[in-house]
Amino acid sequence: MRHEYAAESGLTEADLAGDWHTQFDRWFAEAVAAGLAEPNAMVVGTADAAGRPSARTVLLKGYDPEGFVFFTNYHSRKGVEAVANPYASLVFPWFPMQRQVLVAGRVERVGRAETEAYFASRPRGSQLGAWASTQSSVLPDRAALEDAYRAAVQRFADEAPIPAPPHWGGLRVRPESVEFWQGRASRLHDRLRFRRAEGGWVVERLAP
């Protein structure tokens, strides 16, 4: 199952943008242009108050110099862990391009206005699903979920737009580090990391 990385051009300090946000913007645009399936898919790692980790794939819904935003049920496992232990990691696995972006930082809830604006942009079915799903809770069977969805359809049959559930909203990961990983031959990968330090950001090259 071994796969040899063979990127002709690596990632040098001279190639790197002056800040992590501009560099991410470049790579994200290239991932989109390359036709990667769901290039905004990212693995989100959180941990509970005792430090026990969990991870799952979610979709990035926005980013800016303040950080990376995704949305969830606040009662879900990641939503609860983001309060109990407000730090998270993100991994963008752009394997067809032999690239990864790895982020670590503090988690906070986004403002309610931002949540409501995004929720209004979702398809109606997804809006109803947010009301129907008690995310991460144990269900007796599939029928229970489908019954909850039908109940949500009936509840909001005459209501447009559907309001965002009070238990649902955005989480922002404010980076303390952002690493850009480029695969290279012989496992001598390029790893350049922006790390927040006193007085600003520093760039470091990490051993592969």
C-alpha atoms as a PDB file:
ATOM      1  CA  MET A   1       0.000   0.000   0.000  1.00  0.00           C
ATOM      2  CA  ARG A   2       3.009   2.282  -0.089  1.00  0.00           C
ATOM      3  CA  HIS A   3       2.642   5.428  -2.170  1.00  0.00           C
ATOM      4  CA  GLU A   4       5.715   7.434  -3.110  1.00  0.00           C
ATOM      5  CA  TYR A   5       5.295  11.199  -3.089  1.00  0.00           C
ATOM      6  CA  ALA A   6       6.933  12.844  -6.053  1.00  0.00           C
ATOM      7  CA  ALA A   7       6.106  16.542  -6.065  1.00  0.00           C
ATOM      8  CA  GLU A   8       8.505  18.192  -8.504  1.00  0.00           C
ATOM      9  CA  SER A   9       8.453  21.472  -6.646  1.00  0.00           C
ATOM     10  CA  GLY A  10       8.313  21.612  -2.892  1.00  0.00           C
ATOM     11  CA  LEU A  11       7.396  24.383  -0.521  1.00  0.00           C
ATOM     12  CA  THR A  12      10.183  26.800   0.362  1.00  0.00           C
ATOM     13  CA  GLU A  13      10.227  29.770   2.667  1.00  0.00           C
ATOM     14  CA  ALA A  14      10.495  31.970  -0.427  1.00  0.00           C
ATOM     15  CA  ASP A  15       7.259  30.462  -1.789  1.00  0.00           C
ATOM     16  CA  LEU A  16       5.346  31.130   1.409  1.00  0.00           C
ATOM     17  CA  ALA A  17       2.950  34.069   1.662  1.00  0.00           C
ATOM     18  CA  GLY A  18       3.548  36.679   4.321  1.00  0.00           C
ATOM     19  CA  ASP A  19       0.711  35.396   6.529  1.00  0.00           C
ATOM     20  CA  TRP A  20      -1.111  32.116   7.059  1.00  0.00           C
ATOM     21  CA  HIS A  21      -4.435  33.422   5.777  1.00  0.00           C
ATOM     22  CA  THR A  22      -3.048  34.421   2.371  1.00  0.00           C
ATOM     23  CA  GLN A  23      -1.178  31.137   2.079  1.00  0.00           C
ATOM     24  CA  PHE A  24      -4.308  29.142   2.948  1.00  0.00           C
ATOM     25  CA  ASP A  25      -6.271  31.195   0.437  1.00  0.00           C
ATOM     26  CA  ARG A  26      -3.773  30.212  -2.277  1.00  0.00           C
ATOM     27  CA  TRP A  27      -3.804  26.521  -1.488  1.00  0.00           C
ATOM     28  CA  PHE A  28      -7.564  26.378  -1.023  1.00  0.00           C
ATOM     29  CA  ALA A  29      -8.105  28.044  -4.408  1.00  0.00           C
ATOM     30  CA  GLU A  30      -5.719  25.533  -5.995  1.00  0.00           C
ATOM     31  CA  ALA A  31      -7.584  22.626  -4.356  1.00  0.00           C
ATOM     32  CA  VAL A  32     -10.865  23.952  -5.754  1.00  0.00           C
ATOM     33  CA  ALA A  33      -9.350  24.489  -9.205  1.00  0.00           C
ATOM     34  CA  ALA A  34      -7.945  20.941  -9.183  1.00  0.00           C
ATOM     35  CA  GLY A  35     -11.467  19.567  -8.814  1.00  0.00           C
ATOM     36  CA  LEU A  36     -10.936  17.870  -5.464  1.00  0.00           C
ATOM     37  CA  ALA A  37     -14.127  16.426  -4.018  1.00  0.00           C
ATOM     38  CA  GLU A  38     -15.257  18.686  -1.178  1.00  0.00           C
ATOM     39  CA  PRO A  39     -11.982  20.543  -0.676  1.00  0.00           C
ATOM     40  CA  ASN A  40     -13.596  22.244   2.325  1.00  0.00           C
ATOM     41  CA  ALA A  41     -13.849  18.906   4.151  1.00  0.00           C
ATOM     42  CA  MET A  42     -11.679  18.899   7.254  1.00  0.00           C
ATOM     43  CA  VAL A  43     -11.059  16.550  10.158  1.00  0.00           C
ATOM     44  CA  VAL A  44     -11.897  18.260  13.439  1.00  0.00           C
ATOM     45  CA  GLY A  45     -10.266  16.912  16.577  1.00  0.00           C
ATOM     46  CA  THR A  46     -11.557  17.844  20.036  1.00  0.00           C
ATOM     47  CA  ALA A  47     -11.119  16.459  23.539  1.00  0.00           C
ATOM     48  CA  ASP A  48     -13.299  16.255  26.614  1.00  0.00           C
ATOM     49  CA  ALA A  49     -12.471  17.719  30.012  1.00  0.00           C
ATOM     50  CA  ALA A  50     -10.432  14.599  30.849  1.00  0.00           C
ATOM     51  CA  GLY A  51      -8.394  14.925  27.657  1.00  0.00           C
ATOM     52  CA  ARG A  52      -9.965  11.972  25.817  1.00  0.00           C
ATOM     53  CA  PRO A  53      -9.902  12.850  22.103  1.00  0.00           C
ATOM     54  CA  SER A  54     -12.435  12.426  19.345  1.00  0.00           C
ATOM     55  CA  ALA A  55     -12.382  13.312  15.665  1.00  0.00           C
ATOM     56  CA  ARG A  56     -14.787  13.590  12.757  1.00  0.00           C
ATOM     57  CA  THR A  57     -15.002  15.147   9.302  1.00  0.00           C
ATOM     58  CA  VAL A  58     -17.031  18.339   8.894  1.00  0.00           C
ATOM     59  CA  LEU A  59     -17.266  21.043   6.249  1.00  0.00           C
ATOM     60  CA  LEU A  60     -15.518  24.390   6.526  1.00  0.00           C
ATOM     61  CA  LYS A  61     -18.102  27.121   5.971  1.00  0.00           C
ATOM     62  CA  GLY A  62     -15.950  30.223   6.217  1.00  0.00           C
ATOM     63  CA  TYR A  63     -12.497  31.503   7.028  1.00  0.00           C
ATOM     64  CA  ASP A  64     -10.826  34.864   7.454  1.00  0.00           C
ATOM     65  CA  PRO A  65      -7.847  36.213   9.421  1.00  0.00           C
ATOM     66  CA  GLU A  66      -9.782  35.510  12.627  1.00  0.00           C
ATOM     67  CA  GLY A  67     -10.022  31.778  11.974  1.00  0.00           C
ATOM     68  CA  PHE A  68     -11.967  28.865  10.535  1.00  0.00           C
ATOM     69  CA  VAL A  69     -15.734  28.453  10.992  1.00  0.00           C
ATOM     70  CA  PHE A  70     -17.990  25.396  10.913  1.00  0.00           C
ATOM     71  CA  PHE A  71     -21.494  24.771  12.238  1.00  0.00           C
ATOM     72  CA  THR A  72     -22.920  22.108  14.509  1.00  0.00           C
ATOM     73  CA  ASN A  73     -25.471  21.195  17.132  1.00  0.00           C
ATOM     74  CA  TYR A  74     -24.045  22.608  20.356  1.00  0.00           C
ATOM     75  CA  HIS A  75     -25.320  19.483  22.170  1.00  0.00           C
ATOM     76  CA  SER A  76     -23.267  17.201  19.904  1.00  0.00           C
ATOM     77  CA  ARG A  77     -20.059  15.626  21.158  1.00  0.00           C
ATOM     78  CA  LYS A  78     -17.866  18.225  19.481  1.00  0.00           C
ATOM     79  CA  GLY A  79     -20.146  21.024  20.650  1.00  0.00           C
ATOM     80  CA  VAL A  80     -19.967  19.874  24.258  1.00  0.00           C
ATOM     81  CA  GLU A  81     -16.221  19.248  24.122  1.00  0.00           C
ATOM     82  CA  ALA A  82     -15.624  22.690  22.631  1.00  0.00           C
ATOM     83  CA  VAL A  83     -17.007  24.156  25.864  1.00  0.00           C
ATOM     84  CA  ALA A  84     -15.381  21.704  28.279  1.00  0.00           C
ATOM     85  CA  ASN A  85     -11.947  21.937  26.627  1.00  0.00           C
ATOM     86  CA  PRO A  86     -11.963  24.873  24.198  1.00  0.00           C
ATOM     87  CA  TYR A  87      -9.154  23.811  21.886  1.00  0.00           C
ATOM     88  CA  ALA A  88      -9.313  21.964  18.581  1.00  0.00           C
ATOM     89  CA  SER A  89      -7.230  20.768  15.677  1.00  0.00           C
ATOM     90  CA  LEU A  90      -8.171  20.809  12.002  1.00  0.00           C
ATOM     91  CA  VAL A  91      -6.693  18.789   9.152  1.00  0.00           C
ATOM     92  CA  PHE A  92      -7.405  19.469   5.477  1.00  0.00           C
ATOM     93  CA  PRO A  93      -6.359  16.199   3.740  1.00  0.00           C
ATOM     94  CA  TRP A  94      -5.745  17.220   0.140  1.00  0.00           C
ATOM     95  CA  PHE A  95      -4.093  13.897  -0.731  1.00  0.00           C
ATOM     96  CA  PRO A  96      -4.443  14.095  -4.552  1.00  0.00           C
ATOM     97  CA  MET A  97      -2.258  17.219  -4.376  1.00  0.00           C
ATOM     98  CA  GLN A  98       0.090  15.606  -1.843  1.00  0.00           C
ATOM     99  CA  ARG A  99      -0.771  18.394   0.578  1.00  0.00           C
ATOM    100  CA  GLN A 100      -2.194  18.854   4.044  1.00  0.00           C
ATOM    101  CA  VAL A 101      -2.976  21.906   6.147  1.00  0.00           C
ATOM    102  CA  LEU A 102      -2.921  21.386   9.913  1.00  0.00           C
ATOM    103  CA  VAL A 103      -4.423  23.932  12.298  1.00  0.00           C
ATOM    104  CA  ALA A 104      -4.462  24.114  16.092  1.00  0.00           C
ATOM    105  CA  GLY A 105      -6.147  26.783  18.141  1.00  0.00           C
ATOM    106  CA  ARG A 106      -8.758  27.946  20.573  1.00  0.00           C
ATOM    107  CA  VAL A 107     -12.464  27.375  19.931  1.00  0.00           C
ATOM    108  CA  GLU A 108     -15.246  29.899  20.471  1.00  0.00           C
ATOM    109  CA  ARG A 109     -18.865  30.244  19.439  1.00  0.00           C
ATOM    110  CA  VAL A 110     -19.589  32.685  16.649  1.00  0.00           C
ATOM    111  CA  GLY A 111     -22.092  35.502  17.166  1.00  0.00           C
ATOM    112  CA  ARG A 112     -25.776  34.665  16.832  1.00  0.00           C
ATOM    113  CA  ALA A 113     -26.208  36.983  13.846  1.00  0.00           C
ATOM    114  CA  GLU A 114     -23.507  35.050  11.954  1.00  0.00           C
ATOM    115  CA  THR A 115     -25.203  31.752  12.793  1.00  0.00           C
ATOM    116  CA  GLU A 116     -28.599  32.980  11.651  1.00  0.00           C
ATOM    117  CA  ALA A 117     -27.213  34.383   8.402  1.00  0.00           C
ATOM    118  CA  TYR A 118     -25.594  31.072   7.538  1.00  0.00           C
ATOM    119  CA  PHE A 119     -28.619  29.021   8.596  1.00  0.00           C
ATOM    120  CA  ALA A 120     -30.817  31.081   6.285  1.00  0.00           C
ATOM    121  CA  SER A 121     -28.572  30.133   3.352  1.00  0.00           C
ATOM    122  CA  ARG A 122     -29.012  26.377   3.906  1.00  0.00           C
ATOM    123  CA  PRO A 123     -31.458  24.277   1.870  1.00  0.00           C
ATOM    124  CA  ARG A 124     -34.801  23.870   3.613  1.00  0.00           C
ATOM    125  CA  GLY A 125     -34.210  20.148   4.067  1.00  0.00           C
ATOM    126  CA  SER A 126     -30.969  20.815   5.920  1.00  0.00           C
ATOM    127  CA  GLN A 127     -32.710  23.411   8.073  1.00  0.00           C
ATOM    128  CA  LEU A 128     -35.373  20.877   9.027  1.00  0.00           C
ATOM    129  CA  GLY A 129     -32.690  18.291   9.693  1.00  0.00           C
ATOM    130  CA  ALA A 130     -31.041  20.598  12.220  1.00  0.00           C
ATOM    131  CA  TRP A 131     -34.313  20.716  14.153  1.00  0.00           C
ATOM    132  CA  ALA A 132     -34.936  16.974  13.821  1.00  0.00           C
ATOM    133  CA  SER A 133     -31.528  15.595  14.810  1.00  0.00           C
ATOM    134  CA  THR A 134     -30.423  15.344  18.430  1.00  0.00           C
ATOM    135  CA  GLN A 135     -26.871  15.023  17.148  1.00  0.00           C
ATOM    136  CA  SER A 136     -24.606  12.443  18.828  1.00  0.00           C
ATOM    137  CA  SER A 137     -27.413  11.060  21.005  1.00  0.00           C
ATOM    138  CA  VAL A 138     -28.349   7.362  20.898  1.00  0.00           C
ATOM    139  CA  LEU A 139     -31.352   6.488  18.713  1.00  0.00           C
ATOM    140  CA  PRO A 140     -33.391   3.289  18.979  1.00  0.00           C
ATOM    141  CA  ASP A 141     -33.559   2.957  15.188  1.00  0.00           C
ATOM    142  CA  ARG A 142     -33.660   4.868  11.895  1.00  0.00           C
ATOM    143  CA  ALA A 143     -37.430   5.261  12.188  1.00  0.00           C
ATOM    144  CA  ALA A 144     -36.997   7.524  15.224  1.00  0.00           C
ATOM    145  CA  LEU A 145     -34.950   9.976  13.165  1.00  0.00           C
ATOM    146  CA  GLU A 146     -37.390   9.888  10.271  1.00  0.00           C
ATOM    147  CA  ASP A 147     -40.307  10.464  12.667  1.00  0.00           C
ATOM    148  CA  ALA A 148     -38.500  13.491  14.115  1.00  0.00           C
ATOM    149  CA  TYR A 149     -37.923  14.848  10.622  1.00  0.00           C
ATOM    150  CA  ARG A 150     -41.596  14.442   9.712  1.00  0.00           C
ATOM    151  CA  ALA A 151     -42.514  16.240  12.924  1.00  0.00           C
ATOM    152  CA  ALA A 152     -40.202  19.117  11.969  1.00  0.00           C
ATOM    153  CA  VAL A 153     -41.754  19.277   8.485  1.00  0.00           C
ATOM    154  CA  GLN A 154     -45.198  19.533  10.055  1.00  0.00           C
ATOM    155  CA  ARG A 155     -44.094  22.045  12.680  1.00  0.00           C
ATOM    156  CA  PHE A 156     -42.658  24.456  10.121  1.00  0.00           C
ATOM    157  CA  ALA A 157     -45.060  23.695   7.260  1.00  0.00           C
ATOM    158  CA  ASP A 158     -46.384  27.252   7.178  1.00  0.00           C
ATOM    159  CA  GLU A 159     -43.230  28.993   8.348  1.00  0.00           C
ATOM    160  CA  ALA A 160     -40.705  30.617   6.065  1.00  0.00           C
ATOM    161  CA  PRO A 161     -37.960  31.266   6.750  1.00  0.00           C
ATOM    162  CA  ILE A 162     -37.274  28.554   9.310  1.00  0.00           C
ATOM    163  CA  PRO A 163     -35.425  29.993  12.328  1.00  0.00           C
ATOM    164  CA  ALA A 164     -32.105  28.587  13.464  1.00  0.00           C
ATOM    165  CA  PRO A 165     -32.480  26.259  16.468  1.00  0.00           C
ATOM    166  CA  PRO A 166     -31.215  27.848  19.692  1.00  0.00           C
ATOM    167  CA  HIS A 167     -28.983  24.812  20.271  1.00  0.00           C
ATOM    168  CA  TRP A 168     -27.341  25.051  16.855  1.00  0.00           C
ATOM    169  CA  GLY A 169     -24.647  27.419  15.663  1.00  0.00           C
ATOM    170  CA  GLY A 170     -21.137  28.166  14.539  1.00  0.00           C
ATOM    171  CA  LEU A 171     -17.771  27.418  16.088  1.00  0.00           C
ATOM    172  CA  ARG A 172     -14.641  29.339  15.180  1.00  0.00           C
ATOM    173  CA  VAL A 173     -11.147  27.923  15.606  1.00  0.00           C
ATOM    174  CA  ARG A 174      -8.757  30.822  16.196  1.00  0.00           C
ATOM    175  CA  PRO A 175      -5.382  29.492  15.061  1.00  0.00           C
ATOM    176  CA  GLU A 176      -2.342  29.392  17.256  1.00  0.00           C
ATOM    177  CA  SER A 177      -0.517  27.476  14.544  1.00  0.00           C
ATOM    178  CA  VAL A 178      -1.137  26.719  10.871  1.00  0.00           C
ATOM    179  CA  GLU A 179       1.126  24.209   9.151  1.00  0.00           C
ATOM    180  CA  PHE A 180       1.425  23.776   5.396  1.00  0.00           C
ATOM    181  CA  TRP A 181       2.580  20.263   4.496  1.00  0.00           C
ATOM    182  CA  GLN A 182       3.819  19.343   1.023  1.00  0.00           C
ATOM    183  CA  GLY A 183       4.676  15.726   0.264  1.00  0.00           C
ATOM    184  CA  ARG A 184       8.167  15.069  -1.145  1.00  0.00           C
ATOM    185  CA  ALA A 185      10.145  12.054  -2.292  1.00  0.00           C
ATOM    186  CA  SER A 186      11.771   9.699   0.245  1.00  0.00           C
ATOM    187  CA  ARG A 187       9.400  11.037   2.919  1.00  0.00           C
ATOM    188  CA  LEU A 188      11.461  14.235   3.112  1.00  0.00           C
ATOM    189  CA  HIS A 189       8.314  16.330   3.192  1.00  0.00           C
ATOM    190  CA  ASP A 190       8.235  20.117   3.432  1.00  0.00           C
ATOM    191  CA  ARG A 191       6.511  21.364   6.584  1.00  0.00           C
ATOM    192  CA  LEU A 192       6.299  25.105   7.123  1.00  0.00           C
ATOM    193  CA  ARG A 193       4.387  26.353  10.136  1.00  0.00           C
ATOM    194  CA  PHE A 194       3.062  29.760  11.083  1.00  0.00           C
ATOM    195  CA  ARG A 195       3.050  29.918  14.891  1.00  0.00           C
ATOM    196  CA  ARG A 196       1.561  32.688  16.976  1.00  0.00           C
ATOM    197  CA  ALA A 197       4.185  34.162  19.261  1.00  0.00           C
ATOM    198  CA  GLU A 198       4.497  37.221  21.443  1.00  0.00           C
ATOM    199  CA  GLY A 199       4.422  40.207  19.135  1.00  0.00           C
ATOM    200  CA  GLY A 200       3.155  38.378  16.054  1.00  0.00           C
ATOM    201  CA  TRP A 201       3.615  35.252  13.963  1.00  0.00           C
ATOM    202  CA  VAL A 202       6.810  33.335  13.297  1.00  0.00           C
ATOM    203  CA  VAL A 203       7.511  30.868  10.491  1.00  0.00           C
ATOM    204  CA  GLU A 204       9.253  27.589  11.337  1.00  0.00           C
ATOM    205  CA  ARG A 205      10.387  24.651   9.230  1.00  0.00           C
ATOM    206  CA  LEU A 206       9.610  21.305  10.874  1.00  0.00           C
ATOM    207  CA  ALA A 207      11.431  18.040  10.303  1.00  0.00           C
ATOM    208  CA  PRO A 208       9.317  15.582   8.306  1.00  0.00           C
END
